[in-house]
Amino acid sequence: MDRPISEMNTKELFCALTGEYGVVKQAYVQKVFRKYKALHGEYADLAEMVKAALSGELGDLDEE
């Protein structure tokens, strides 16, 4: 899949999360998933979580 994460829908993001599109995309979506949960105390739609990360709402994804 050559499509950027920012253009993926929820189904594609789930596939990325499971590693279907490679370890780099998988690691990124996992970081977004964990950081969103840490900041908001709950999960949201994967597309919403990625949008929050891309907008800077989640801050630096490398900081735990």
PDB file of N, CA and C in Angstrom:
ATOM      1  N   MET A   1       0.858  -1.173   0.000  1.00  0.00           N
ATOM      2  CA  MET A   1       0.000   0.000   0.000  1.00  0.00           C
ATOM      3  C   MET A   1       0.900   1.230   0.000  1.00  0.00           C
ATOM      4  N   ASP A   2       0.791   2.016  -1.019  1.00  0.00           N
ATOM      5  CA  ASP A   2       1.593   3.232  -1.128  1.00  0.00           C
ATOM      6  C   ASP A   2       0.838   4.467  -0.633  1.00  0.00           C
ATOM      7  N   ARG A   3      -0.378   4.284  -0.245  1.00  0.00           N
ATOM      8  CA  ARG A   3      -1.212   5.395   0.198  1.00  0.00           C
ATOM      9  C   ARG A   3      -0.723   5.902   1.553  1.00  0.00           C
ATOM     10  N   PRO A   4      -0.623   7.231   1.715  1.00  0.00           N
ATOM     11  CA  PRO A   4      -0.186   7.771   3.014  1.00  0.00           C
ATOM     12  C   PRO A   4      -1.215   7.499   4.115  1.00  0.00           C
ATOM     13  N   ILE A   5      -0.737   7.386   5.319  1.00  0.00           N
ATOM     14  CA  ILE A   5      -1.614   7.130   6.457  1.00  0.00           C
ATOM     15  C   ILE A   5      -2.685   8.212   6.581  1.00  0.00           C
ATOM     16  N   SER A   6      -2.333   9.445   6.262  1.00  0.00           N
ATOM     17  CA  SER A   6      -3.286  10.556   6.382  1.00  0.00           C
ATOM     18  C   SER A   6      -4.489  10.407   5.459  1.00  0.00           C
ATOM     19  N   GLU A   7      -4.393   9.574   4.441  1.00  0.00           N
ATOM     20  CA  GLU A   7      -5.483   9.380   3.490  1.00  0.00           C
ATOM     21  C   GLU A   7      -6.216   8.053   3.690  1.00  0.00           C
ATOM     22  N   MET A   8      -5.808   7.268   4.672  1.00  0.00           N
ATOM     23  CA  MET A   8      -6.434   5.962   4.899  1.00  0.00           C
ATOM     24  C   MET A   8      -7.736   6.098   5.672  1.00  0.00           C
ATOM     25  N   ASN A   9      -8.668   5.199   5.365  1.00  0.00           N
ATOM     26  CA  ASN A   9      -9.912   5.145   6.137  1.00  0.00           C
ATOM     27  C   ASN A   9      -9.691   4.201   7.328  1.00  0.00           C
ATOM     28  N   THR A  10     -10.711   4.045   8.136  1.00  0.00           N
ATOM     29  CA  THR A  10     -10.586   3.249   9.354  1.00  0.00           C
ATOM     30  C   THR A  10     -10.223   1.796   9.064  1.00  0.00           C
ATOM     31  N   LYS A  11     -10.807   1.226   8.030  1.00  0.00           N
ATOM     32  CA  LYS A  11     -10.507  -0.170   7.687  1.00  0.00           C
ATOM     33  C   LYS A  11      -9.036  -0.308   7.295  1.00  0.00           C
ATOM     34  N   GLU A  12      -8.525   0.605   6.485  1.00  0.00           N
ATOM     35  CA  GLU A  12      -7.129   0.567   6.078  1.00  0.00           C
ATOM     36  C   GLU A  12      -6.205   0.804   7.268  1.00  0.00           C
ATOM     37  N   LEU A  13      -6.588   1.698   8.171  1.00  0.00           N
ATOM     38  CA  LEU A  13      -5.778   1.959   9.360  1.00  0.00           C
ATOM     39  C   LEU A  13      -5.721   0.731  10.259  1.00  0.00           C
ATOM     40  N   PHE A  14      -6.818  -0.003  10.340  1.00  0.00           N
ATOM     41  CA  PHE A  14      -6.807  -1.237  11.117  1.00  0.00           C
ATOM     42  C   PHE A  14      -5.835  -2.237  10.496  1.00  0.00           C
ATOM     43  N   CYS A  15      -5.850  -2.332   9.172  1.00  0.00           N
ATOM     44  CA  CYS A  15      -4.908  -3.224   8.480  1.00  0.00           C
ATOM     45  C   CYS A  15      -3.468  -2.788   8.754  1.00  0.00           C
ATOM     46  N   ALA A  16      -3.232  -1.485   8.757  1.00  0.00           N
ATOM     47  CA  ALA A  16      -1.892  -0.977   9.076  1.00  0.00           C
ATOM     48  C   ALA A  16      -1.520  -1.353  10.504  1.00  0.00           C
ATOM     49  N   LEU A  17      -2.465  -1.228  11.420  1.00  0.00           N
ATOM     50  CA  LEU A  17      -2.233  -1.557  12.821  1.00  0.00           C
ATOM     51  C   LEU A  17      -1.853  -3.024  13.005  1.00  0.00           C
ATOM     52  N   THR A  18      -2.392  -3.880  12.166  1.00  0.00           N
ATOM     53  CA  THR A  18      -2.083  -5.312  12.269  1.00  0.00           C
ATOM     54  C   THR A  18      -0.824  -5.702  11.505  1.00  0.00           C
ATOM     55  N   GLY A  19      -0.228  -4.745  10.803  1.00  0.00           N
ATOM     56  CA  GLY A  19       1.034  -5.014  10.121  1.00  0.00           C
ATOM     57  C   GLY A  19       0.915  -5.359   8.658  1.00  0.00           C
ATOM     58  N   GLU A  20      -0.268  -5.299   8.102  1.00  0.00           N
ATOM     59  CA  GLU A  20      -0.468  -5.682   6.701  1.00  0.00           C
ATOM     60  C   GLU A  20       0.313  -4.799   5.725  1.00  0.00           C
ATOM     61  N   TYR A  21       0.552  -3.550   6.092  1.00  0.00           N
ATOM     62  CA  TYR A  21       1.241  -2.622   5.194  1.00  0.00           C
ATOM     63  C   TYR A  21       2.692  -2.376   5.604  1.00  0.00           C
ATOM     64  N   GLY A  22       3.221  -3.231   6.446  1.00  0.00           N
ATOM     65  CA  GLY A  22       4.617  -3.130   6.850  1.00  0.00           C
ATOM     66  C   GLY A  22       4.776  -2.619   8.273  1.00  0.00           C
ATOM     67  N   VAL A  23       5.979  -2.816   8.785  1.00  0.00           N
ATOM     68  CA  VAL A  23       6.241  -2.496  10.185  1.00  0.00           C
ATOM     69  C   VAL A  23       6.319  -0.999  10.468  1.00  0.00           C
ATOM     70  N   VAL A  24       6.688  -0.192   9.489  1.00  0.00           N
ATOM     71  CA  VAL A  24       6.793   1.247   9.723  1.00  0.00           C
ATOM     72  C   VAL A  24       5.406   1.846   9.949  1.00  0.00           C
ATOM     73  N   LYS A  25       4.475   1.523   9.068  1.00  0.00           N
ATOM     74  CA  LYS A  25       3.110   2.025   9.237  1.00  0.00           C
ATOM     75  C   LYS A  25       2.471   1.423  10.487  1.00  0.00           C
ATOM     76  N   GLN A  26       2.769   0.169  10.756  1.00  0.00           N
ATOM     77  CA  GLN A  26       2.236  -0.470  11.950  1.00  0.00           C
ATOM     78  C   GLN A  26       2.721   0.247  13.207  1.00  0.00           C
ATOM     79  N   ALA A  27       3.998   0.528  13.278  1.00  0.00           N
ATOM     80  CA  ALA A  27       4.559   1.194  14.460  1.00  0.00           C
ATOM     81  C   ALA A  27       3.964   2.589  14.639  1.00  0.00           C
ATOM     82  N   TYR A  28       3.770   3.314  13.547  1.00  0.00           N
ATOM     83  CA  TYR A  28       3.207   4.662  13.642  1.00  0.00           C
ATOM     84  C   TYR A  28       1.779   4.614  14.191  1.00  0.00           C
ATOM     85  N   VAL A  29       0.949   3.740  13.623  1.00  0.00           N
ATOM     86  CA  VAL A  29      -0.444   3.658  14.083  1.00  0.00           C
ATOM     87  C   VAL A  29      -0.494   3.174  15.533  1.00  0.00           C
ATOM     88  N   GLN A  30       0.398   2.278  15.928  1.00  0.00           N
ATOM     89  CA  GLN A  30       0.439   1.829  17.321  1.00  0.00           C
ATOM     90  C   GLN A  30       0.788   2.982  18.259  1.00  0.00           C
ATOM     91  N   LYS A  31       1.741   3.815  17.859  1.00  0.00           N
ATOM     92  CA  LYS A  31       2.109   4.973  18.688  1.00  0.00           C
ATOM     93  C   LYS A  31       0.934   5.928  18.828  1.00  0.00           C
ATOM     94  N   VAL A  32       0.260   6.192  17.718  1.00  0.00           N
ATOM     95  CA  VAL A  32      -0.910   7.075  17.749  1.00  0.00           C
ATOM     96  C   VAL A  32      -1.969   6.489  18.682  1.00  0.00           C
ATOM     97  N   PHE A  33      -2.235   5.209  18.545  1.00  0.00           N
ATOM     98  CA  PHE A  33      -3.228   4.501  19.341  1.00  0.00           C
ATOM     99  C   PHE A  33      -2.926   4.639  20.834  1.00  0.00           C
ATOM    100  N   ARG A  34      -1.683   4.371  21.212  1.00  0.00           N
ATOM    101  CA  ARG A  34      -1.290   4.436  22.629  1.00  0.00           C
ATOM    102  C   ARG A  34      -1.313   5.864  23.166  1.00  0.00           C
ATOM    103  N   LYS A  35      -0.804   6.800  22.384  1.00  0.00           N
ATOM    104  CA  LYS A  35      -0.732   8.193  22.829  1.00  0.00           C
ATOM    105  C   LYS A  35      -2.131   8.778  22.988  1.00  0.00           C
ATOM    106  N   TYR A  36      -3.023   8.480  22.052  1.00  0.00           N
ATOM    107  CA  TYR A  36      -4.399   8.981  22.138  1.00  0.00           C
ATOM    108  C   TYR A  36      -5.062   8.461  23.411  1.00  0.00           C
ATOM    109  N   LYS A  37      -4.898   7.172  23.685  1.00  0.00           N
ATOM    110  CA  LYS A  37      -5.484   6.571  24.891  1.00  0.00           C
ATOM    111  C   LYS A  37      -4.908   7.214  26.151  1.00  0.00           C
ATOM    112  N   ALA A  38      -3.610   7.460  26.165  1.00  0.00           N
ATOM    113  CA  ALA A  38      -2.969   8.066  27.335  1.00  0.00           C
ATOM    114  C   ALA A  38      -3.478   9.481  27.586  1.00  0.00           C
ATOM    115  N   LEU A  39      -3.707  10.230  26.531  1.00  0.00           N
ATOM    116  CA  LEU A  39      -4.145  11.627  26.691  1.00  0.00           C
ATOM    117  C   LEU A  39      -5.643  11.779  26.905  1.00  0.00           C
ATOM    118  N   HIS A  40      -6.428  10.904  26.310  1.00  0.00           N
ATOM    119  CA  HIS A  40      -7.888  11.053  26.358  1.00  0.00           C
ATOM    120  C   HIS A  40      -8.575  10.048  27.273  1.00  0.00           C
ATOM    121  N   GLY A  41      -7.863   9.025  27.704  1.00  0.00           N
ATOM    122  CA  GLY A  41      -8.452   8.039  28.604  1.00  0.00           C
ATOM    123  C   GLY A  41      -9.401   7.071  27.941  1.00  0.00           C
ATOM    124  N   GLU A  42      -9.558   7.179  26.631  1.00  0.00           N
ATOM    125  CA  GLU A  42     -10.425   6.274  25.891  1.00  0.00           C
ATOM    126  C   GLU A  42      -9.986   6.247  24.439  1.00  0.00           C
ATOM    127  N   TYR A  43     -10.507   5.300  23.709  1.00  0.00           N
ATOM    128  CA  TYR A  43     -10.185   5.186  22.291  1.00  0.00           C
ATOM    129  C   TYR A  43     -11.249   5.874  21.461  1.00  0.00           C
ATOM    130  N   ALA A  44     -10.903   6.152  20.228  1.00  0.00           N
ATOM    131  CA  ALA A  44     -11.835   6.740  19.271  1.00  0.00           C
ATOM    132  C   ALA A  44     -11.684   5.970  17.964  1.00  0.00           C
ATOM    133  N   ASP A  45     -12.393   6.389  16.965  1.00  0.00           N
ATOM    134  CA  ASP A  45     -12.226   5.840  15.632  1.00  0.00           C
ATOM    135  C   ASP A  45     -10.765   6.022  15.212  1.00  0.00           C
ATOM    136  N   LEU A  46     -10.168   5.031  14.575  1.00  0.00           N
ATOM    137  CA  LEU A  46      -8.758   5.118  14.195  1.00  0.00           C
ATOM    138  C   LEU A  46      -8.476   6.339  13.330  1.00  0.00           C
ATOM    139  N   ALA A  47      -9.374   6.668  12.416  1.00  0.00           N
ATOM    140  CA  ALA A  47      -9.172   7.843  11.559  1.00  0.00           C
ATOM    141  C   ALA A  47      -9.145   9.119  12.400  1.00  0.00           C
ATOM    142  N   GLU A  48      -9.985   9.190  13.408  1.00  0.00           N
ATOM    143  CA  GLU A  48     -10.010  10.352  14.300  1.00  0.00           C
ATOM    144  C   GLU A  48      -8.709  10.459  15.096  1.00  0.00           C
ATOM    145  N   MET A  49      -8.190   9.330  15.543  1.00  0.00           N
ATOM    146  CA  MET A  49      -6.943   9.332  16.297  1.00  0.00           C
ATOM    147  C   MET A  49      -5.775   9.787  15.418  1.00  0.00           C
ATOM    148  N   VAL A  50      -5.735   9.331  14.174  1.00  0.00           N
ATOM    149  CA  VAL A  50      -4.667   9.736  13.262  1.00  0.00           C
ATOM    150  C   VAL A  50      -4.778  11.222  12.947  1.00  0.00           C
ATOM    151  N   LYS A  51      -5.991  11.721  12.747  1.00  0.00           N
ATOM    152  CA  LYS A  51      -6.180  13.162  12.498  1.00  0.00           C
ATOM    153  C   LYS A  51      -5.673  13.981  13.678  1.00  0.00           C
ATOM    154  N   ALA A  52      -5.927  13.507  14.885  1.00  0.00           N
ATOM    155  CA  ALA A  52      -5.446  14.206  16.082  1.00  0.00           C
ATOM    156  C   ALA A  52      -3.925  14.234  16.104  1.00  0.00           C
ATOM    157  N   ALA A  53      -3.300  13.135  15.723  1.00  0.00           N
ATOM    158  CA  ALA A  53      -1.833  13.082  15.694  1.00  0.00           C
ATOM    159  C   ALA A  53      -1.278  14.019  14.638  1.00  0.00           C
ATOM    160  N   LEU A  54      -1.885  14.022  13.463  1.00  0.00           N
ATOM    161  CA  LEU A  54      -1.402  14.859  12.372  1.00  0.00           C
ATOM    162  C   LEU A  54      -1.601  16.346  12.651  1.00  0.00           C
ATOM    163  N   SER A  55      -2.612  16.682  13.424  1.00  0.00           N
ATOM    164  CA  SER A  55      -2.866  18.088  13.756  1.00  0.00           C
ATOM    165  C   SER A  55      -1.952  18.593  14.868  1.00  0.00           C
ATOM    166  N   GLY A  56      -1.236  17.673  15.515  1.00  0.00           N
ATOM    167  CA  GLY A  56      -0.349  18.048  16.609  1.00  0.00           C
ATOM    168  C   GLY A  56      -0.995  17.949  17.974  1.00  0.00           C
ATOM    169  N   GLU A  57      -2.256  17.561  18.010  1.00  0.00           N
ATOM    170  CA  GLU A  57      -2.995  17.456  19.272  1.00  0.00           C
ATOM    171  C   GLU A  57      -2.357  16.471  20.242  1.00  0.00           C
ATOM    172  N   LEU A  58      -1.695  15.447  19.728  1.00  0.00           N
ATOM    173  CA  LEU A  58      -1.095  14.428  20.577  1.00  0.00           C
ATOM    174  C   LEU A  58       0.340  14.745  20.965  1.00  0.00           C
ATOM    175  N   GLY A  59       0.870  15.830  20.440  1.00  0.00           N
ATOM    176  CA  GLY A  59       2.235  16.211  20.750  1.00  0.00           C
ATOM    177  C   GLY A  59       3.245  15.297  20.070  1.00  0.00           C
ATOM    178  N   ASP A  60       4.412  15.192  20.649  1.00  0.00           N
ATOM    179  CA  ASP A  60       5.473  14.356  20.104  1.00  0.00           C
ATOM    180  C   ASP A  60       5.161  12.899  20.386  1.00  0.00           C
ATOM    181  N   LEU A  61       5.036  12.111  19.348  1.00  0.00           N
ATOM    182  CA  LEU A  61       4.686  10.700  19.519  1.00  0.00           C
ATOM    183  C   LEU A  61       5.828   9.885  20.113  1.00  0.00           C
ATOM    184  N   ASP A  62       7.035  10.408  20.077  1.00  0.00           N
ATOM    185  CA  ASP A  62       8.169   9.681  20.642  1.00  0.00           C
ATOM    186  C   ASP A  62       8.293   9.860  22.147  1.00  0.00           C
ATOM    187  N   GLU A  63       7.552  10.802  22.702  1.00  0.00           N
ATOM    188  CA  GLU A  63       7.563  11.011  24.158  1.00  0.00           C
ATOM    189  C   GLU A  63       6.489  10.138  24.774  1.00  0.00           C
ATOM    190  N   GLU A  64       6.827   9.435  25.798  1.00  0.00           N
ATOM    191  CA  GLU A  64       5.858   8.578  26.490  1.00  0.00           C
ATOM    192  C   GLU A  64       5.371   9.237  27.738  1.00  0.00           C
TER     193      GLU A  64
END
